[in-house]
PDB file of N, CA and C in Angstrom:
ATOM      1  N   UNK A   1       0.836  -1.176   0.000  1.00  0.00           N
ATOM      2  CA  UNK A   1       0.000   0.000   0.000  1.00  0.00           C
ATOM      3  C   UNK A   1       0.881   1.240   0.000  1.00  0.00           C
ATOM      4  N   UNK A   2       0.564   2.193  -0.853  1.00  0.00           N
ATOM      5  CA  UNK A   2       1.325   3.428  -0.953  1.00  0.00           C
ATOM      6  C   UNK A   2       0.680   4.501  -0.096  1.00  0.00           C
ATOM      7  N   UNK A   3       1.477   5.080   0.784  1.00  0.00           N
ATOM      8  CA  UNK A   3       0.967   6.171   1.620  1.00  0.00           C
ATOM      9  C   UNK A   3       1.019   7.454   0.799  1.00  0.00           C
ATOM     10  N   UNK A   4      -0.086   8.124   0.714  1.00  0.00           N
ATOM     11  CA  UNK A   4      -0.132   9.403   0.010  1.00  0.00           C
ATOM     12  C   UNK A   4      -0.423  10.504   1.013  1.00  0.00           C
ATOM     13  N   UNK A   5       0.125  11.661   0.733  1.00  0.00           N
ATOM     14  CA  UNK A   5      -0.065  12.815   1.618  1.00  0.00           C
ATOM     15  C   UNK A   5      -0.589  13.984   0.803  1.00  0.00           C
ATOM     16  N   UNK A   6      -1.389  14.801   1.453  1.00  0.00           N
ATOM     17  CA  UNK A   6      -1.774  16.081   0.872  1.00  0.00           C
ATOM     18  C   UNK A   6      -0.592  17.022   1.016  1.00  0.00           C
ATOM     19  N   UNK A   7      -0.397  17.893   0.055  1.00  0.00           N
ATOM     20  CA  UNK A   7       0.634  18.918   0.142  1.00  0.00           C
ATOM     21  C   UNK A   7      -0.075  20.259   0.315  1.00  0.00           C
ATOM     22  N   UNK A   8       0.061  20.836   1.500  1.00  0.00           N
ATOM     23  CA  UNK A   8      -0.622  22.090   1.823  1.00  0.00           C
ATOM     24  C   UNK A   8       0.431  23.127   2.178  1.00  0.00           C
ATOM     25  N   UNK A   9       0.393  24.268   1.494  1.00  0.00           N
ATOM     26  CA  UNK A   9       1.318  25.356   1.797  1.00  0.00           C
ATOM     27  C   UNK A   9       0.513  26.506   2.388  1.00  0.00           C
ATOM     28  N   UNK A  10       1.113  27.160   3.387  1.00  0.00           N
ATOM     29  CA  UNK A  10       0.427  28.261   4.074  1.00  0.00           C
ATOM     30  C   UNK A  10       1.287  29.511   4.038  1.00  0.00           C
ATOM     31  N   UNK A  11       0.651  30.639   3.755  1.00  0.00           N
ATOM     32  CA  UNK A  11       1.290  31.945   3.863  1.00  0.00           C
ATOM     33  C   UNK A  11       0.865  32.491   5.223  1.00  0.00           C
ATOM     34  N   UNK A  12       1.759  32.417   6.192  1.00  0.00           N
ATOM     35  CA  UNK A  12       1.411  32.796   7.558  1.00  0.00           C
ATOM     36  C   UNK A  12       1.260  34.309   7.728  1.00  0.00           C
ATOM     37  N   UNK A  13       1.801  35.106   6.810  1.00  0.00           N
ATOM     38  CA  UNK A  13       1.632  36.555   6.886  1.00  0.00           C
ATOM     39  C   UNK A  13       0.212  36.962   6.518  1.00  0.00           C
ATOM     40  N   UNK A  14      -0.322  36.355   5.468  1.00  0.00           N
ATOM     41  CA  UNK A  14      -1.667  36.700   5.007  1.00  0.00           C
ATOM     42  C   UNK A  14      -2.730  35.731   5.517  1.00  0.00           C
ATOM     43  N   UNK A  15      -2.306  34.678   6.231  1.00  0.00           N
ATOM     44  CA  UNK A  15      -3.217  33.672   6.782  1.00  0.00           C
ATOM     45  C   UNK A  15      -4.044  33.006   5.683  1.00  0.00           C
ATOM     46  N   UNK A  16      -3.366  32.599   4.602  1.00  0.00           N
ATOM     47  CA  UNK A  16      -4.021  31.900   3.510  1.00  0.00           C
ATOM     48  C   UNK A  16      -3.325  30.563   3.285  1.00  0.00           C
ATOM     49  N   UNK A  17      -4.019  29.644   2.617  1.00  0.00           N
ATOM     50  CA  UNK A  17      -3.430  28.345   2.311  1.00  0.00           C
ATOM     51  C   UNK A  17      -3.935  27.837   0.973  1.00  0.00           C
ATOM     52  N   UNK A  18      -3.187  26.870   0.437  1.00  0.00           N
ATOM     53  CA  UNK A  18      -3.602  26.208  -0.796  1.00  0.00           C
ATOM     54  C   UNK A  18      -3.217  24.738  -0.709  1.00  0.00           C
ATOM     55  N   UNK A  19      -4.112  23.878  -1.173  1.00  0.00           N
ATOM     56  CA  UNK A  19      -3.825  22.454  -1.260  1.00  0.00           C
ATOM     57  C   UNK A  19      -3.234  22.231  -2.637  1.00  0.00           C
ATOM     58  N   UNK A  20      -1.973  21.821  -2.673  1.00  0.00           N
ATOM     59  CA  UNK A  20      -1.270  21.686  -3.945  1.00  0.00           C
ATOM     60  C   UNK A  20      -1.513  20.326  -4.601  1.00  0.00           C
ATOM     61  N   UNK A  21      -1.906  19.327  -3.857  1.00  0.00           N
ATOM     62  CA  UNK A  21      -2.166  18.021  -4.441  1.00  0.00           C
ATOM     63  C   UNK A  21      -1.804  16.897  -3.501  1.00  0.00           C
ATOM     64  N   UNK A  22      -1.757  15.684  -4.062  1.00  0.00           N
ATOM     65  CA  UNK A  22      -1.401  14.492  -3.300  1.00  0.00           C
ATOM     66  C   UNK A  22      -0.124  13.907  -3.885  1.00  0.00           C
ATOM     67  N   UNK A  23       0.746  13.446  -3.048  1.00  0.00           N
ATOM     68  CA  UNK A  23       1.964  12.792  -3.498  1.00  0.00           C
ATOM     69  C   UNK A  23       2.379  11.728  -2.507  1.00  0.00           C
ATOM     70  N   UNK A  24       3.083  10.713  -3.003  1.00  0.00           N
ATOM     71  CA  UNK A  24       3.656   9.718  -2.102  1.00  0.00           C
ATOM     72  C   UNK A  24       5.055  10.162  -1.670  1.00  0.00           C
ATOM     73  N   UNK A  25       5.711  11.027  -2.463  1.00  0.00           N
ATOM     74  CA  UNK A  25       7.027  11.541  -2.131  1.00  0.00           C
ATOM     75  C   UNK A  25       6.928  13.060  -2.053  1.00  0.00           C
ATOM     76  N   UNK A  26       7.143  13.621  -0.881  1.00  0.00           N
ATOM     77  CA  UNK A  26       6.975  15.061  -0.668  1.00  0.00           C
ATOM     78  C   UNK A  26       8.307  15.802  -0.575  1.00  0.00           C
ATOM     79  N   UNK A  27       9.417  15.182  -0.975  1.00  0.00           N
ATOM     80  CA  UNK A  27      10.736  15.805  -0.830  1.00  0.00           C
ATOM     81  C   UNK A  27      10.850  17.139  -1.555  1.00  0.00           C
ATOM     82  N   UNK A  28      10.445  17.218  -2.812  1.00  0.00           N
ATOM     83  CA  UNK A  28      10.557  18.458  -3.574  1.00  0.00           C
ATOM     84  C   UNK A  28       9.737  19.563  -2.919  1.00  0.00           C
ATOM     85  N   UNK A  29       8.534  19.236  -2.506  1.00  0.00           N
ATOM     86  CA  UNK A  29       7.649  20.211  -1.878  1.00  0.00           C
ATOM     87  C   UNK A  29       8.234  20.739  -0.569  1.00  0.00           C
ATOM     88  N   UNK A  30       8.687  19.846   0.292  1.00  0.00           N
ATOM     89  CA  UNK A  30       9.235  20.285   1.580  1.00  0.00           C
ATOM     90  C   UNK A  30      10.551  21.036   1.411  1.00  0.00           C
ATOM     91  N   UNK A  31      11.400  20.608   0.483  1.00  0.00           N
ATOM     92  CA  UNK A  31      12.663  21.311   0.259  1.00  0.00           C
ATOM     93  C   UNK A  31      12.434  22.717  -0.276  1.00  0.00           C
ATOM     94  N   UNK A  32      11.469  22.887  -1.176  1.00  0.00           N
ATOM     95  CA  UNK A  32      11.159  24.219  -1.706  1.00  0.00           C
ATOM     96  C   UNK A  32      10.643  25.123  -0.587  1.00  0.00           C
ATOM     97  N   UNK A  33       9.807  24.577   0.288  1.00  0.00           N
ATOM     98  CA  UNK A  33       9.275  25.372   1.392  1.00  0.00           C
ATOM     99  C   UNK A  33      10.378  25.755   2.375  1.00  0.00           C
ATOM    100  N   UNK A  34      11.298  24.835   2.649  1.00  0.00           N
ATOM    101  CA  UNK A  34      12.430  25.164   3.525  1.00  0.00           C
ATOM    102  C   UNK A  34      13.292  26.255   2.898  1.00  0.00           C
ATOM    103  N   UNK A  35      13.459  26.211   1.583  1.00  0.00           N
ATOM    104  CA  UNK A  35      14.205  27.259   0.891  1.00  0.00           C
ATOM    105  C   UNK A  35      13.542  28.617   1.062  1.00  0.00           C
ATOM    106  N   UNK A  36      12.221  28.641   0.946  1.00  0.00           N
ATOM    107  CA  UNK A  36      11.477  29.889   1.144  1.00  0.00           C
ATOM    108  C   UNK A  36      11.684  30.426   2.554  1.00  0.00           C
ATOM    109  N   UNK A  37      11.662  29.537   3.531  1.00  0.00           N
ATOM    110  CA  UNK A  37      11.847  29.952   4.916  1.00  0.00           C
ATOM    111  C   UNK A  37      13.254  30.504   5.143  1.00  0.00           C
ATOM    112  N   UNK A  38      14.258  29.899   4.495  1.00  0.00           N
ATOM    113  CA  UNK A  38      15.643  30.356   4.658  1.00  0.00           C
ATOM    114  C   UNK A  38      15.867  31.763   4.123  1.00  0.00           C
ATOM    115  N   UNK A  39      15.111  32.151   3.087  1.00  0.00           N
ATOM    116  CA  UNK A  39      15.289  33.513   2.553  1.00  0.00           C
ATOM    117  C   UNK A  39      14.383  34.518   3.260  1.00  0.00           C
ATOM    118  N   UNK A  40      13.691  34.097   4.306  1.00  0.00           N
ATOM    119  CA  UNK A  40      12.922  35.018   5.126  1.00  0.00           C
ATOM    120  C   UNK A  40      11.435  35.092   4.848  1.00  0.00           C
ATOM    121  N   UNK A  41      10.929  34.214   4.013  1.00  0.00           N
ATOM    122  CA  UNK A  41       9.489  34.226   3.738  1.00  0.00           C
ATOM    123  C   UNK A  41       8.758  33.556   4.898  1.00  0.00           C
ATOM    124  N   UNK A  42       7.613  34.098   5.272  1.00  0.00           N
ATOM    125  CA  UNK A  42       6.832  33.595   6.398  1.00  0.00           C
ATOM    126  C   UNK A  42       5.815  32.567   5.894  1.00  0.00           C
ATOM    127  N   UNK A  43       6.329  31.385   5.546  1.00  0.00           N
ATOM    128  CA  UNK A  43       5.490  30.311   5.021  1.00  0.00           C
ATOM    129  C   UNK A  43       5.703  29.049   5.858  1.00  0.00           C
ATOM    130  N   UNK A  44       4.736  28.166   5.777  1.00  0.00           N
ATOM    131  CA  UNK A  44       4.859  26.861   6.411  1.00  0.00           C
ATOM    132  C   UNK A  44       4.122  25.851   5.548  1.00  0.00           C
ATOM    133  N   UNK A  45       4.287  24.593   5.864  1.00  0.00           N
ATOM    134  CA  UNK A  45       3.642  23.564   5.068  1.00  0.00           C
ATOM    135  C   UNK A  45       3.095  22.477   5.968  1.00  0.00           C
ATOM    136  N   UNK A  46       2.208  21.707   5.404  1.00  0.00           N
ATOM    137  CA  UNK A  46       1.651  20.539   6.082  1.00  0.00           C
ATOM    138  C   UNK A  46       1.610  19.420   5.063  1.00  0.00           C
ATOM    139  N   UNK A  47       1.864  18.210   5.502  1.00  0.00           N
ATOM    140  CA  UNK A  47       1.713  17.040   4.640  1.00  0.00           C
ATOM    141  C   UNK A  47       0.918  15.968   5.389  1.00  0.00           C
ATOM    142  N   UNK A  48      -0.360  16.261   5.695  1.00  0.00           N
ATOM    143  CA  UNK A  48      -1.162  15.266   6.399  1.00  0.00           C
ATOM    144  C   UNK A  48      -1.486  14.089   5.480  1.00  0.00           C
ATOM    145  N   UNK A  49      -1.629  12.898   6.043  1.00  0.00           N
ATOM    146  CA  UNK A  49      -1.930  11.737   5.207  1.00  0.00           C
ATOM    147  C   UNK A  49      -3.346  11.806   4.651  1.00  0.00           C
ATOM    148  N   UNK A  50      -3.504  11.221   3.477  1.00  0.00           N
ATOM    149  CA  UNK A  50      -4.833  11.058   2.902  1.00  0.00           C
ATOM    150  C   UNK A  50      -5.452   9.890   3.647  1.00  0.00           C
ATOM    151  N   UNK A  51      -6.553  10.135   4.326  1.00  0.00           N
ATOM    152  CA  UNK A  51      -7.098   9.124   5.231  1.00  0.00           C
ATOM    153  C   UNK A  51      -7.943   8.065   4.538  1.00  0.00           C
ATOM    154  N   UNK A  52      -8.524   8.389   3.413  1.00  0.00           N
ATOM    155  CA  UNK A  52      -9.291   7.379   2.691  1.00  0.00           C
ATOM    156  C   UNK A  52      -9.361   7.753   1.225  1.00  0.00           C
ATOM    157  N   UNK A  53      -9.910   6.881   0.417  1.00  0.00           N
ATOM    158  CA  UNK A  53      -9.963   7.115  -1.031  1.00  0.00           C
ATOM    159  C   UNK A  53     -10.921   8.237  -1.403  1.00  0.00           C
ATOM    160  N   UNK A  54     -11.822   8.604  -0.517  1.00  0.00           N
ATOM    161  CA  UNK A  54     -12.817   9.622  -0.820  1.00  0.00           C
ATOM    162  C   UNK A  54     -12.435  11.009  -0.310  1.00  0.00           C
ATOM    163  N   UNK A  55     -11.220  11.188   0.202  1.00  0.00           N
ATOM    164  CA  UNK A  55     -10.797  12.507   0.676  1.00  0.00           C
ATOM    165  C   UNK A  55     -10.731  13.472  -0.504  1.00  0.00           C
ATOM    166  N   UNK A  56     -11.268  14.651  -0.321  1.00  0.00           N
ATOM    167  CA  UNK A  56     -11.252  15.650  -1.385  1.00  0.00           C
ATOM    168  C   UNK A  56     -10.607  16.938  -0.885  1.00  0.00           C
ATOM    169  N   UNK A  57     -10.140  17.735  -1.829  1.00  0.00           N
ATOM    170  CA  UNK A  57      -9.553  19.029  -1.478  1.00  0.00           C
ATOM    171  C   UNK A  57     -10.567  19.918  -0.768  1.00  0.00           C
ATOM    172  N   UNK A  58     -11.800  19.855  -1.201  1.00  0.00           N
ATOM    173  CA  UNK A  58     -12.832  20.723  -0.646  1.00  0.00           C
ATOM    174  C   UNK A  58     -13.120  20.438   0.824  1.00  0.00           C
ATOM    175  N   UNK A  59     -12.830  19.234   1.278  1.00  0.00           N
ATOM    176  CA  UNK A  59     -13.122  18.878   2.669  1.00  0.00           C
ATOM    177  C   UNK A  59     -12.046  19.353   3.643  1.00  0.00           C
ATOM    178  N   UNK A  60     -10.908  19.820   3.127  1.00  0.00           N
ATOM    179  CA  UNK A  60      -9.804  20.256   3.991  1.00  0.00           C
ATOM    180  C   UNK A  60     -10.014  21.708   4.393  1.00  0.00           C
ATOM    181  N   UNK A  61      -9.979  21.939   5.693  1.00  0.00           N
ATOM    182  CA  UNK A  61     -10.103  23.286   6.236  1.00  0.00           C
ATOM    183  C   UNK A  61      -9.031  23.483   7.298  1.00  0.00           C
ATOM    184  N   UNK A  62      -8.481  24.682   7.364  1.00  0.00           N
ATOM    185  CA  UNK A  62      -7.494  25.026   8.383  1.00  0.00           C
ATOM    186  C   UNK A  62      -8.049  26.214   9.148  1.00  0.00           C
ATOM    187  N   UNK A  63      -8.209  26.038  10.435  1.00  0.00           N
ATOM    188  CA  UNK A  63      -8.809  27.076  11.278  1.00  0.00           C
ATOM    189  C   UNK A  63      -7.935  28.335  11.249  1.00  0.00           C
ATOM    190  N   UNK A  64      -8.569  29.474  10.976  1.00  0.00           N
ATOM    191  CA  UNK A  64      -7.876  30.756  10.955  1.00  0.00           C
ATOM    192  C   UNK A  64      -7.269  31.111   9.608  1.00  0.00           C
ATOM    193  N   UNK A  65      -7.358  30.235   8.625  1.00  0.00           N
ATOM    194  CA  UNK A  65      -6.794  30.471   7.300  1.00  0.00           C
ATOM    195  C   UNK A  65      -7.895  30.393   6.255  1.00  0.00           C
ATOM    196  N   UNK A  66      -7.723  31.145   5.172  1.00  0.00           N
ATOM    197  CA  UNK A  66      -8.659  31.069   4.059  1.00  0.00           C
ATOM    198  C   UNK A  66      -7.930  30.521   2.841  1.00  0.00           C
ATOM    199  N   UNK A  67      -8.676  29.871   1.952  1.00  0.00           N
ATOM    200  CA  UNK A  67      -8.080  29.313   0.740  1.00  0.00           C
ATOM    201  C   UNK A  67      -7.735  30.428  -0.231  1.00  0.00           C
ATOM    202  N   UNK A  68      -6.580  30.316  -0.857  1.00  0.00           N
ATOM    203  CA  UNK A  68      -6.146  31.263  -1.886  1.00  0.00           C
ATOM    204  C   UNK A  68      -5.695  30.474  -3.106  1.00  0.00           C
ATOM    205  N   UNK A  69      -6.506  30.446  -4.148  1.00  0.00           N
ATOM    206  CA  UNK A  69      -6.080  29.767  -5.371  1.00  0.00           C
ATOM    207  C   UNK A  69      -4.838  30.434  -5.949  1.00  0.00           C
ATOM    208  N   UNK A  70      -3.864  29.639  -6.378  1.00  0.00           N
ATOM    209  CA  UNK A  70      -2.645  30.176  -6.964  1.00  0.00           C
ATOM    210  C   UNK A  70      -1.597  30.598  -5.958  1.00  0.00           C
ATOM    211  N   UNK A  71      -1.800  30.292  -4.686  1.00  0.00           N
ATOM    212  CA  UNK A  71      -0.854  30.699  -3.640  1.00  0.00           C
ATOM    213  C   UNK A  71       0.531  30.106  -3.878  1.00  0.00           C
ATOM    214  N   UNK A  72       0.597  28.827  -4.193  1.00  0.00           N
ATOM    215  CA  UNK A  72       1.896  28.169  -4.383  1.00  0.00           C
ATOM    216  C   UNK A  72       2.673  28.817  -5.523  1.00  0.00           C
ATOM    217  N   UNK A  73       2.000  29.111  -6.620  1.00  0.00           N
ATOM    218  CA  UNK A  73       2.672  29.766  -7.750  1.00  0.00           C
ATOM    219  C   UNK A  73       3.172  31.152  -7.361  1.00  0.00           C
ATOM    220  N   UNK A  74       2.360  31.907  -6.625  1.00  0.00           N
ATOM    221  CA  UNK A  74       2.763  33.241  -6.188  1.00  0.00           C
ATOM    222  C   UNK A  74       3.983  33.176  -5.278  1.00  0.00           C
ATOM    223  N   UNK A  75       3.972  32.225  -4.347  1.00  0.00           N
ATOM    224  CA  UNK A  75       5.098  32.088  -3.425  1.00  0.00           C
ATOM    225  C   UNK A  75       6.361  31.631  -4.151  1.00  0.00           C
ATOM    226  N   UNK A  76       6.215  30.721  -5.108  1.00  0.00           N
ATOM    227  CA  UNK A  76       7.384  30.256  -5.869  1.00  0.00           C
ATOM    228  C   UNK A  76       7.977  31.396  -6.694  1.00  0.00           C
ATOM    229  N   UNK A  77       7.128  32.246  -7.268  1.00  0.00           N
ATOM    230  CA  UNK A  77       7.609  33.399  -8.036  1.00  0.00           C
ATOM    231  C   UNK A  77       8.374  34.360  -7.123  1.00  0.00           C
ATOM    232  N   UNK A  78       7.811  34.628  -5.948  1.00  0.00           N
ATOM    233  CA  UNK A  78       8.468  35.511  -4.979  1.00  0.00           C
ATOM    234  C   UNK A  78       9.801  34.911  -4.523  1.00  0.00           C
ATOM    235  N   UNK A  79       9.823  33.614  -4.315  1.00  0.00           N
ATOM    236  CA  UNK A  79      11.044  32.917  -3.896  1.00  0.00           C
ATOM    237  C   UNK A  79      12.125  33.025  -4.981  1.00  0.00           C
ATOM    238  N   UNK A  80      11.739  32.789  -6.242  1.00  0.00           N
ATOM    239  CA  UNK A  80      12.705  32.897  -7.343  1.00  0.00           C
ATOM    240  C   UNK A  80      13.265  34.316  -7.434  1.00  0.00           C
ATOM    241  N   UNK A  81      12.414  35.316  -7.249  1.00  0.00           N
ATOM    242  CA  UNK A  81      12.875  36.703  -7.298  1.00  0.00           C
ATOM    243  C   UNK A  81      13.864  37.000  -6.179  1.00  0.00           C
ATOM    244  N   UNK A  82      13.589  36.492  -4.987  1.00  0.00           N
ATOM    245  CA  UNK A  82      14.499  36.722  -3.859  1.00  0.00           C
ATOM    246  C   UNK A  82      15.842  36.028  -4.080  1.00  0.00           C
ATOM    247  N   UNK A  83      15.811  34.800  -4.570  1.00  0.00           N
ATOM    248  CA  UNK A  83      17.045  34.054  -4.803  1.00  0.00           C
ATOM    249  C   UNK A  83      17.842  34.693  -5.930  1.00  0.00           C
ATOM    250  N   UNK A  84      17.182  35.070  -7.003  1.00  0.00           N
ATOM    251  CA  UNK A  84      17.867  35.704  -8.135  1.00  0.00           C
ATOM    252  C   UNK A  84      18.443  37.051  -7.717  1.00  0.00           C
ATOM    253  N   UNK A  85      17.719  37.794  -6.919  1.00  0.00           N
ATOM    254  CA  UNK A  85      18.217  39.085  -6.438  1.00  0.00           C
ATOM    255  C   UNK A  85      19.449  38.936  -5.573  1.00  0.00           C
ATOM    256  N   UNK A  86      19.494  37.900  -4.753  1.00  0.00           N
ATOM    257  CA  UNK A  86      20.665  37.697  -3.900  1.00  0.00           C
ATOM    258  C   UNK A  86      21.870  37.264  -4.705  1.00  0.00           C
ATOM    259  N   UNK A  87      21.665  36.584  -5.824  1.00  0.00           N
ATOM    260  CA  UNK A  87      22.778  36.199  -6.685  1.00  0.00           C
ATOM    261  C   UNK A  87      23.276  37.415  -7.445  1.00  0.00           C
ATOM    262  N   UNK A  88      22.353  38.249  -7.937  1.00  0.00           N
ATOM    263  CA  UNK A  88      22.730  39.427  -8.707  1.00  0.00           C
ATOM    264  C   UNK A  88      23.530  40.436  -7.897  1.00  0.00           C
ATOM    265  N   UNK A  89      23.340  40.492  -6.595  1.00  0.00           N
ATOM    266  CA  UNK A  89      24.047  41.493  -5.791  1.00  0.00           C
ATOM    267  C   UNK A  89      25.541  41.200  -5.707  1.00  0.00           C
ATOM    268  N   UNK A  90      25.965  39.973  -6.015  1.00  0.00           N
ATOM    269  CA  UNK A  90      27.377  39.640  -5.961  1.00  0.00           C
ATOM    270  C   UNK A  90      28.093  39.879  -7.279  1.00  0.00           C
ATOM    271  N   UNK A  91      27.347  40.192  -8.316  1.00  0.00           N
ATOM    272  CA  UNK A  91      27.994  40.433  -9.629  1.00  0.00           C
ATOM    273  C   UNK A  91      28.426  41.864  -9.767  1.00  0.00           C
TER     274      UNK A  91
END
């Protein structure tokens, strides 16, 4: 049996979250989020297990947070800009 997890990213500054999907391997997702945290972004992630075959994105709620479609893309764009800016300052 393959354990699958939901990939949930949260913007703790704006109190929003997005469910990015289900994966059995969350390494890329967690490493990207750790990278965001290292450059000073106020983000966090959750990888709760999918409890049954009927779990849906719509059933996931996080108290105190609202859903923001496109949050992961926005955060990744901001992260790329911060990383690229830090590289450019050394040239």
